[in-house]
Protein backbone atom coordinates (compact mmCIF):
# COMPACT_ATOMS: atom_id res chain seq x y z
CA MET A 1 34.95 -16.33 -10.53
CA PRO A 2 31.64 -17.25 -9.16
CA LYS A 3 29.30 -19.05 -11.54
CA ARG A 4 26.73 -16.17 -11.32
CA THR A 5 29.24 -13.47 -12.26
CA VAL A 6 30.38 -15.49 -15.10
CA VAL A 7 26.90 -15.83 -16.47
CA LEU A 8 26.29 -11.97 -15.87
CA ALA A 9 29.43 -11.15 -17.76
CA GLU A 10 28.45 -13.15 -20.74
CA GLN A 11 24.99 -11.48 -20.74
CA LEU A 12 26.74 -8.14 -20.29
CA ALA A 13 28.27 -8.76 -23.72
CA SER A 14 25.14 -9.95 -25.50
CA PRO A 15 24.19 -8.35 -28.72
CA ASP A 16 20.65 -8.07 -27.50
CA PRO A 17 19.94 -4.63 -25.80
CA ALA A 18 17.13 -6.23 -23.51
CA SER A 19 19.55 -8.93 -22.43
CA ARG A 20 22.27 -6.52 -21.45
CA LEU A 21 19.78 -4.29 -19.59
CA ASP A 22 18.51 -7.25 -17.71
CA ALA A 23 21.97 -8.27 -16.86
CA VAL A 24 22.89 -4.70 -15.57
CA ARG A 25 20.03 -4.71 -13.08
CA MET A 26 20.87 -8.33 -11.88
CA SER A 27 24.35 -7.26 -11.24
CA GLY A 28 23.07 -4.49 -9.08
CA GLU A 29 20.91 -6.99 -7.14
CA LEU A 30 23.61 -9.41 -6.85
CA MET A 31 26.09 -7.03 -5.35
CA ARG A 32 23.37 -5.35 -3.00
CA THR A 33 22.43 -8.72 -1.57
CA TRP A 34 25.74 -10.91 -1.36
CA ARG A 35 29.06 -10.45 0.02
CA GLY A 36 32.10 -11.08 -1.79
CA ASP A 37 34.84 -9.39 -4.11
CA HIS A 38 32.71 -7.64 -6.98
CA THR A 39 35.47 -5.96 -8.77
CA HIS A 40 35.14 -8.03 -11.93
CA LEU A 41 31.48 -7.38 -12.15
CA LEU A 42 31.77 -3.62 -11.26
CA LEU A 43 34.56 -3.07 -14.18
CA LEU A 44 32.17 -4.77 -16.47
CA LEU A 45 29.41 -2.41 -15.64
CA ALA A 46 31.63 0.54 -15.84
CA ASP A 47 32.42 -0.51 -19.46
CA GLN A 48 28.64 -0.05 -20.09
CA LEU A 49 28.79 3.58 -19.26
CA THR A 50 30.54 3.99 -22.77
CA THR A 51 28.27 2.02 -24.66
CA ALA A 52 26.11 3.35 -27.62
CA ASP A 53 23.05 1.91 -25.70
CA GLU A 54 22.07 5.04 -23.78
CA GLU A 55 19.43 3.04 -21.83
CA ALA A 56 22.07 0.38 -20.75
CA ALA A 57 24.68 3.27 -19.88
CA ALA A 58 21.85 5.07 -17.78
CA GLU A 59 21.07 2.00 -15.90
CA ALA A 60 24.69 1.13 -15.23
CA ALA A 61 25.45 4.33 -13.94
CA ALA A 62 22.10 4.09 -11.60
CA VAL A 63 23.56 0.58 -10.37
CA LEU A 64 26.89 1.95 -9.64
CA GLU A 65 25.46 4.80 -7.45
CA SER A 66 23.28 2.29 -5.68
CA CYS A 67 26.49 0.40 -5.06
CA HIS A 68 28.58 3.25 -4.26
CA PRO A 69 30.17 1.85 -0.96
CA ILE A 70 32.12 -0.57 -3.27
CA ALA A 71 32.45 1.34 -6.31
CA ALA A 72 35.96 2.51 -5.71
CA PRO A 73 37.51 0.44 -8.54
CA VAL A 74 35.47 2.50 -11.13
CA ARG A 75 36.08 5.63 -9.71
CA GLU A 76 38.17 6.78 -12.97
CA ALA A 77 35.55 5.43 -15.26
CA LEU A 78 32.83 7.51 -13.43
CA ALA A 79 35.08 10.60 -13.67
CA ALA A 80 35.91 9.90 -17.39
CA ARG A 81 32.29 9.37 -18.29
CA ILE A 82 31.29 12.69 -16.56
CA ASP A 83 34.11 14.66 -18.46
CA ALA A 84 33.13 13.32 -21.60
CA GLN A 85 29.51 14.16 -21.26
CA ARG A 86 30.42 17.67 -20.13
CA ALA A 87 32.79 17.98 -23.25
CA ALA A 88 30.13 16.58 -25.66
CA ASN A 89 27.15 18.41 -24.20
CA GLY A 90 28.19 21.33 -22.37
CA PRO A 91 28.35 22.16 -18.75
CA GLN A 92 24.70 22.13 -18.43
CA VAL A 93 24.49 18.40 -19.37
CA TRP A 94 23.05 17.79 -15.65
CA ALA A 95 19.87 19.56 -16.96
CA ALA A 96 19.87 17.93 -20.58
CA PRO A 97 16.48 17.64 -22.03
CA GLU A 98 17.23 14.16 -23.16
CA VAL A 99 15.98 11.95 -20.35
CA LEU A 100 18.58 9.01 -20.63
CA LEU A 101 21.52 11.51 -21.02
CA ARG A 102 20.21 13.42 -18.13
CA GLY A 103 19.77 10.39 -15.92
CA SER A 104 22.90 8.79 -16.85
CA HIS A 105 25.01 11.99 -16.06
CA GLN A 106 23.34 12.64 -12.66
CA GLU A 107 23.76 9.02 -11.54
CA ALA A 108 27.33 9.24 -12.39
CA VAL A 109 27.98 12.40 -10.63
CA ARG A 110 26.23 11.06 -7.53
CA ALA A 111 28.26 7.86 -7.63
CA LEU A 112 31.47 9.87 -7.80
CA ALA A 113 30.29 12.40 -5.25
CA ARG A 114 29.62 9.70 -2.81
CA LEU A 115 33.20 8.35 -3.24
CA GLY A 116 34.35 11.73 -1.95
CA ASP A 117 35.63 12.83 -5.39
CA ALA A 118 35.97 16.61 -6.05
CA ARG A 119 35.60 16.19 -9.66
CA ALA A 120 31.85 15.65 -9.16
CA LEU A 121 31.82 19.26 -7.95
CA PRO A 122 31.13 21.07 -11.06
CA SER A 123 27.87 19.25 -11.99
CA LEU A 124 26.79 19.58 -8.41
CA LEU A 125 27.19 23.13 -8.49
CA THR A 126 25.46 23.31 -12.00
CA ALA A 127 22.43 21.60 -10.28
CA LEU A 128 22.40 23.95 -7.20
CA ASP A 129 22.78 27.01 -9.27
CA SER A 130 20.01 26.13 -11.77
CA ASP A 131 17.79 24.50 -9.33
CA VAL A 132 17.39 21.59 -11.82
CA ASP A 133 16.95 18.40 -9.86
CA ALA A 134 18.87 20.10 -7.17
CA TRP A 135 17.64 17.38 -4.61
CA ARG A 136 19.49 15.08 -6.21
CA ALA A 137 22.78 17.10 -5.59
CA ILE A 138 21.60 18.17 -2.30
CA GLN A 139 21.57 14.27 -1.21
CA VAL A 140 25.18 13.91 -2.06
CA SER A 141 26.84 17.24 -1.19
CA GLY A 142 27.72 16.00 2.38
CA HIS A 143 30.28 13.55 0.82
CA LEU A 144 32.63 16.58 -0.44
CA PRO A 145 33.56 18.41 2.80
CA GLN A 146 36.77 19.62 1.07
CA ALA A 147 34.04 21.78 -1.06
CA ALA A 148 32.20 23.10 2.06
CA ASP A 149 33.16 26.65 1.06
CA ARG A 150 31.24 26.44 -2.24
CA LEU A 151 28.61 24.14 -1.18
CA VAL A 152 27.50 25.72 2.13
CA PRO A 153 26.48 29.04 0.59
CA ARG A 154 24.50 27.43 -1.92
CA LEU A 155 22.54 24.98 0.29
CA CYS A 156 21.95 28.04 2.73
CA ASP A 157 20.40 29.79 -0.28
CA HIS A 158 18.05 26.83 -0.89
CA LEU A 159 17.10 26.47 2.71
CA ARG A 160 16.16 30.04 2.71
CA ARG A 161 13.93 29.67 -0.19
CA ILE A 162 11.82 26.75 1.16
CA ASP A 163 8.53 27.62 2.59
CA VAL A 164 8.10 25.34 5.74
CA SER A 165 4.47 26.42 6.04
CA GLN A 166 3.85 23.84 3.56
CA GLN A 167 3.91 20.29 4.87
CA TRP A 168 5.11 18.86 1.51
CA ASN A 169 8.34 20.96 1.81
CA GLY A 170 9.55 19.27 4.89
CA MET A 171 11.44 16.57 3.33
CA SER A 172 13.27 19.36 1.35
CA ALA A 173 14.09 21.18 4.04
CA ASN A 174 15.28 18.00 6.14
CA ALA A 175 17.69 17.02 3.27
CA VAL A 176 19.22 20.52 3.07
CA LEU A 177 19.71 20.57 6.96
CA THR A 178 21.22 17.03 6.78
CA ALA A 179 23.99 18.02 4.21
CA LEU A 180 24.72 21.14 6.53
CA ALA A 181 25.08 19.02 9.43
CA VAL A 182 27.45 16.68 7.70
CA LEU A 183 29.27 19.59 6.21
CA GLY A 184 29.52 20.98 9.87
CA ASP A 185 30.25 24.62 8.83
CA PRO A 186 28.84 26.92 11.65
CA ALA A 187 28.63 29.74 9.14
CA ALA A 188 25.11 28.15 8.36
CA ALA A 189 24.06 28.72 11.84
CA SER A 190 22.09 31.93 11.27
CA VAL A 191 19.78 30.65 8.30
CA VAL A 192 19.48 27.30 10.30
CA MET A 193 18.07 29.41 13.25
CA ASP A 194 15.69 31.11 10.85
CA THR A 195 14.37 27.97 9.68
CA LEU A 196 13.92 26.65 13.44
CA GLY A 197 11.90 29.83 14.05
CA ALA A 198 9.58 29.07 11.05
CA ALA A 199 9.39 25.52 11.87
CA LEU A 200 8.17 26.28 15.60
CA ARG A 201 5.74 28.77 14.03
CA HIS A 202 4.16 26.30 11.96
CA GLU A 203 4.56 23.19 14.13
CA ARG A 204 6.82 21.56 11.58
CA HIS A 205 8.16 18.87 14.25
CA GLY A 206 10.21 16.91 11.75
CA VAL A 207 12.03 20.06 10.45
CA THR A 208 12.59 21.07 14.04
CA ARG A 209 14.09 17.94 15.00
CA SER A 210 16.47 18.24 11.77
CA VAL A 211 17.34 21.72 12.86
CA LEU A 212 18.37 20.69 16.18
CA GLU A 213 20.31 17.83 14.80
CA THR A 214 22.23 20.29 12.70
CA LEU A 215 22.81 22.50 15.60
CA ARG A 216 24.19 19.56 17.48
CA ALA A 217 26.63 18.92 14.44
CA PHE A 218 27.76 22.63 14.66
CA GLY A 219 28.58 22.31 18.61
CA PRO A 220 29.91 25.03 20.59
CA ALA A 221 30.37 27.31 17.56
CA VAL A 222 26.69 28.09 17.70
CA THR A 223 25.90 31.27 19.80
CA GLY A 224 22.67 32.68 20.74
CA ALA A 225 20.65 29.57 20.40
CA GLY A 226 20.71 28.26 23.85
CA ARG A 227 17.45 29.73 25.16
CA THR A 228 15.53 28.12 22.13
CA ILE A 229 17.17 24.73 22.40
CA ARG A 230 16.52 24.84 26.13
CA SER A 231 12.74 25.70 25.74
CA LEU A 232 12.35 22.62 23.19
CA THR A 233 13.60 20.08 25.96
CA LYS A 234 10.24 20.33 27.30
CA ALA A 235 8.49 19.68 23.91
CA THR A 236 5.91 17.16 23.87
CA ASP A 237 6.86 15.67 20.37
CA ALA A 238 8.60 12.27 20.70
CA HIS A 239 11.43 13.26 18.53
CA VAL A 240 11.98 16.96 19.27
CA ARG A 241 12.63 16.39 23.03
CA PRO A 242 15.54 14.10 22.96
CA ALA A 243 17.09 16.09 19.99
CA ALA A 244 16.79 19.24 21.95
CA VAL A 245 18.70 17.64 24.81
CA ALA A 246 21.54 16.35 22.77
CA ALA A 247 21.77 19.83 20.97
CA LEU A 248 21.89 21.41 24.33
CA TRP A 249 24.73 19.33 25.64
CA ALA A 250 26.68 19.79 22.18
CA VAL A 251 26.13 23.62 22.20
CA GLY A 252 26.41 24.40 25.76
CA GLY A 253 28.26 21.71 27.43
CA ASP A 254 26.62 22.29 30.91
CA LEU A 255 26.64 18.79 32.48
CA ALA A 256 24.56 20.08 35.60
CA GLU A 257 21.82 21.17 33.08
CA VAL A 258 21.70 18.14 30.86
CA MET A 259 22.02 15.32 33.25
CA PRO A 260 18.64 15.51 34.99
CA LEU A 261 17.19 15.83 31.50
CA LEU A 262 19.01 12.67 30.08
CA LEU A 263 18.20 10.56 33.15
CA GLY A 264 14.52 11.64 32.69
CA LEU A 265 14.71 10.24 29.28
CA LEU A 266 16.07 6.89 30.48
CA ASP A 267 12.98 6.58 32.42
CA ASP A 268 10.76 7.21 29.33
CA PRO A 269 8.44 4.43 27.82
CA ILE A 270 9.47 5.43 24.32
CA THR A 271 12.45 3.05 23.42
CA PHE A 272 14.17 5.51 21.01
CA ARG A 273 14.23 8.21 23.60
CA ILE A 274 16.14 5.79 25.81
CA THR A 275 18.54 5.02 23.05
CA ASP A 276 19.14 8.63 22.15
CA ALA A 277 19.73 9.55 25.73
CA ALA A 278 22.03 6.62 26.18
CA ASP A 279 24.19 7.91 23.09
CA VAL A 280 24.55 11.38 24.51
CA LEU A 281 25.60 9.83 27.87
CA GLY A 282 28.21 7.58 26.35
CA GLU A 283 29.41 10.77 24.39
CA ILE A 284 29.88 12.58 27.71
CA GLY A 285 31.83 9.62 29.15
CA PRO A 286 33.03 9.26 32.81
CA PRO A 287 31.68 12.49 34.12
CA ALA A 288 28.17 11.09 33.44
CA SER A 289 28.84 8.26 36.08
CA ALA A 290 25.53 9.32 37.76
CA ALA A 291 23.81 7.43 35.03
CA LEU A 292 25.30 4.11 35.54
CA PRO A 293 22.73 2.62 37.71
CA HIS A 294 20.19 3.50 35.30
CA LEU A 295 21.94 2.13 32.47
CA HIS A 296 22.73 -0.81 34.28
CA GLY A 297 19.23 -1.50 35.06
CA LEU A 298 18.18 -1.17 31.54
CA LEU A 299 20.33 -4.12 30.42
CA THR A 300 17.26 -6.26 31.14
CA HIS A 301 14.91 -4.13 28.92
CA ASP A 302 12.51 -6.03 26.41
CA CYS A 303 14.19 -4.21 23.49
CA GLU A 304 17.37 -5.44 22.44
CA TRP A 305 18.17 -2.04 20.89
CA VAL A 306 17.82 -0.40 24.30
CA ARG A 307 20.12 -3.20 25.74
CA VAL A 308 22.77 -2.35 23.17
CA HIS A 309 22.74 1.33 23.51
CA CYS A 310 22.84 1.29 27.21
CA ALA A 311 25.51 -1.37 27.22
CA ALA A 312 27.67 0.84 24.92
CA ALA A 313 27.15 3.65 27.11
CA LEU A 314 28.02 1.74 30.26
CA TRP A 315 31.37 0.97 28.66
CA ASP A 316 32.13 4.42 27.55
CA ILE A 317 31.26 5.79 30.93
CA GLY A 318 32.30 3.11 33.32
CA GLY A 319 34.97 1.21 31.25
CA GLN A 320 36.43 -1.99 32.44
CA ALA A 321 34.40 -2.13 35.65
CA GLY A 322 31.31 -3.07 33.78
CA ALA A 323 32.74 -5.10 31.13
CA PRO A 324 31.27 -8.38 31.86
CA ALA A 325 27.82 -7.10 31.91
CA VAL A 326 28.35 -4.98 28.77
CA LEU A 327 29.75 -7.97 26.83
CA ASP A 328 26.93 -10.18 27.87
CA ALA A 329 24.35 -7.73 26.79
CA LEU A 330 26.00 -7.01 23.18
CA LEU A 331 26.38 -10.58 22.60
CA GLN A 332 22.83 -11.64 23.44
CA ALA A 333 21.40 -8.77 21.49
CA MET A 334 23.50 -9.54 18.57
CA ALA A 335 22.41 -13.15 18.49
CA GLN A 336 18.71 -12.20 18.95
CA ASN A 337 18.79 -9.76 16.29
CA PRO A 338 21.62 -9.57 13.65
CA ALA A 339 20.54 -6.08 12.57
CA THR A 340 22.35 -4.70 15.74
CA ALA A 341 25.69 -5.89 14.62
CA ASN A 342 27.04 -2.62 13.54
CA HIS A 343 26.50 -1.06 16.99
CA VAL A 344 27.57 -4.13 18.65
CA VAL A 345 30.88 -4.51 16.71
CA ALA A 346 31.64 -0.74 17.21
CA CYS A 347 31.36 -1.10 20.99
CA LEU A 348 33.35 -4.34 20.87
CA ASP A 349 36.04 -2.50 19.05
CA ARG A 350 36.17 0.09 21.67
CA MET A 351 36.61 -2.60 24.21
CA GLY A 352 39.81 -4.02 22.77
CA SER A 353 41.15 -7.28 24.19
CA LEU A 354 38.04 -7.36 26.49
CA ALA A 355 36.13 -8.30 23.51
CA ALA A 356 37.77 -11.67 22.98
CA PRO A 357 34.85 -13.88 24.16
CA ALA A 358 33.05 -12.26 21.16
CA LEU A 359 35.38 -13.89 18.59
CA PRO A 360 33.29 -17.05 17.85
CA LEU A 361 30.18 -14.59 17.13
CA LEU A 362 32.39 -12.36 15.05
CA ARG A 363 33.65 -15.33 12.89
CA GLU A 364 30.40 -16.82 12.54
CA GLN A 365 28.93 -13.30 11.30
CA LEU A 366 31.76 -12.95 8.75
CA SER A 367 30.94 -16.34 7.44
CA LEU A 368 27.57 -15.49 6.15
CA PRO A 369 27.35 -15.13 2.40
CA ARG A 370 24.55 -12.80 2.57
CA ARG A 371 25.07 -9.12 3.42
CA GLY A 372 24.24 -8.03 7.10
CA GLY A 373 24.17 -5.24 9.55
CA ARG A 374 21.37 -2.73 9.88
CA TYR A 375 19.16 -2.59 6.91
CA ARG A 376 21.53 -5.03 5.24
CA SER A 377 22.55 -2.29 3.19
CA ILE A 378 26.05 -2.40 1.30
CA ALA A 379 27.29 0.67 3.40
CA HIS A 380 26.32 -0.91 7.01
CA ASP A 381 27.65 -4.30 5.74
CA GLU A 382 30.83 -3.21 4.32
CA GLU A 383 31.45 -1.06 7.39
CA LEU A 384 30.58 -4.19 9.70
CA GLN A 385 32.98 -6.45 7.65
CA GLN A 386 35.83 -4.04 7.84
CA VAL A 387 35.64 -3.32 11.68
CA SER A 388 34.94 -7.06 12.35
CA ARG A 389 37.97 -8.22 10.30
CA ALA A 390 40.32 -5.65 12.02
CA LEU A 391 39.09 -6.48 15.43
CA ILE A 392 39.56 -10.42 15.03
CA ALA A 393 42.93 -9.44 13.55
CA ARG A 394 43.93 -7.58 16.65
CA LEU A 395 42.46 -10.28 19.02
CA ASP A 396 44.15 -13.07 17.23
CA LEU A 397 47.42 -11.15 17.34
CA GLN A 398 47.22 -10.64 21.16
CA CYS A 399 46.16 -14.37 21.73
CA GLY A 400 48.71 -15.49 19.41
CA ARG A 401 46.44 -17.26 16.68
CA GLN A 402 46.69 -17.27 13.00
CA PRO A 403 45.32 -14.05 11.34
CA LEU A 404 41.85 -14.36 10.02
CA ARG A 405 41.65 -15.38 6.40
CA LYS A 406 39.09 -14.10 3.98
CA GLN A 407 36.13 -16.32 3.64
CA PRO A 408 35.52 -17.65 0.17
CA GLU A 409 32.79 -16.17 -1.78
CA ALA A 410 29.37 -17.86 -1.59
CA VAL A 411 27.48 -18.24 -4.95
CA PRO A 412 23.75 -17.54 -4.95
CA PRO A 413 21.77 -19.70 -7.13
CA LEU A 414 21.32 -18.20 -10.87
CA CYS A 415 17.53 -18.59 -10.54
CA ASP A 416 16.91 -17.65 -7.16
CA ARG A 417 15.49 -14.22 -7.90
CA HIS A 418 13.72 -13.89 -4.38
CA SER A 419 16.85 -14.86 -2.59
CA THR A 420 18.87 -11.99 -4.15
CA SER A 421 16.28 -9.12 -3.82
CA ARG A 422 16.55 -6.51 -1.31
CA SER A 423 15.14 -7.27 2.21
CA SER A 424 12.50 -4.71 1.84
CA GLY A 425 10.39 -3.53 -1.15
CA HIS A 426 11.47 0.12 -0.57
CA PRO A 427 15.02 1.30 -0.05
CA GLY A 428 13.87 3.67 2.59
CA LYS A 429 12.26 1.07 4.55
CA PRO A 430 14.07 -1.16 7.28
CA HIS A 431 14.62 -4.83 7.41
CA PRO A 432 11.47 -6.30 9.16
CA HIS A 433 13.80 -7.11 12.16
CA VAL A 434 15.59 -3.83 12.30
CA ASP A 435 13.37 -1.53 14.33
CA ARG A 436 10.59 -3.78 15.66
CA CYS A 437 10.93 -2.28 19.24
CA TYR A 438 11.36 1.37 17.98
CA SER A 439 7.60 2.10 18.52
CA SER A 440 5.85 5.03 20.20
CA SER A 441 5.72 3.04 23.20
CA ALA A 442 7.88 0.30 24.76
C-alpha cells in the first residue's frame, strides 16, 4: 500500500474530528491527482459515511461524488447510506433543514446516480418535484437513461418554467438541455423548440447553442425544425453557426445541403469552428470525401487541436489511404500537448493495427504517475488509461509481444501539497495547456 495512503488511513481513524476531516479532504486530493488503485482509500471513506461525525460524513460523501469515476467499489455503501437516511428522516431528506444532513444525502445521491444506479432515483425525483436544490439533481439526471420515462417529463416541466429573457437563467436552461440531450428522448422536442424560440427572441446565444446540441442528439426523430435550424447556419455568433450545421446534418441528413456549410467552416479563422466541422465530417464518413483535400491541408495548422480533429476526420473518411499522415499528425500533437491524448488515443483505437508505431508513446503515457488527458480529470484519465491499455494489449497480441503489465503506483510526497492540488483553481476551468489555441481567432 502506498505510504501516503497508509498515513491517510491512520488519520481517518484518528479520534480528533479535525484530523479526520482533513484526511477526508486530502484523500480526495490524492485520488483526483494521482493514478493508482485507490480501492482501499475509497472503502475507508465509505466508512466515514456512517460515522457520528456529520461533518466528516458530509465531506466524505462530497469526495466520493467528486471521484465518482472510480467510486464503483463503494456503490453498495452509498446505496445503504441513502436508504438509511431516507428511513430515518423520511423521503424528503433531500430537502432536510439540517445543512450537514442535507448536503451528505445529496452528495451520496449524486455519486450513486453518476454510477448509473437507479437506487438514486427516488431522491432525484423528490428534488425535481419539490424544486429544492433541483439543479443538483438535474446535473446528474443524464446518468440514469433507464429512468428517462420518469425524468424527461419533469425536466421538460423545469425547462418550461425557465424565463430565458433573464440572462442569469441561461445556465439553468443549459443544464436541463444537456440532461435532455444525454437522455435522448425526442418526446422533449416540443418544449425544446419552444425554448429555442424564446432564446432567439431574446438573443440568448448560449441557450440557442444548447438547444441545437439537444436537437442534434435527438436526430431524425425531430420533425418540423429544419427551417429554423437552417436559418441559424448563417448566424453571426461564433458558437451558434457550427452547432446549427451539426444539428442540420443530424436531423435532416442531407449531404448536399451540409457539405458546402462544413467546407466553409473548415476555412474559418476560428479554431473551434474548424474542429466542430471536422467532427461532423468524420461522423458522415466516406460520403464526405470531398473534404479530404481541405482536411489534409489543415494537418499543418498552428493549433494542435485543429490538427488532431482533422486527422481523426481524415481517418474516418479516407481510411487506410491517409494513415501515415494521420498517424504522424496525431503523435506530434500528443507529444506537443498531452491534453489531446483522449482524442488521439480514441482515433488510434479506431486505426487498429496501423496504430502500432504509437506503442512507445502510449507506454510512456501510461507510465506517468499523475493523471493526464483533457483537464487532467479522473473521468478523462480513467478513460484514457482504459482505452490505451486495451489498444496496447491488442497491438502486442498482433505483434506477438508479452501483454502489458500494469505499472506500479507512484507515491506522491506526503508533504507536497502543491504537487497534489488540482491543475486549476476552479473545477470548471481547463488545464492551462488544454485550450490555448481555442480562441476567437486563429
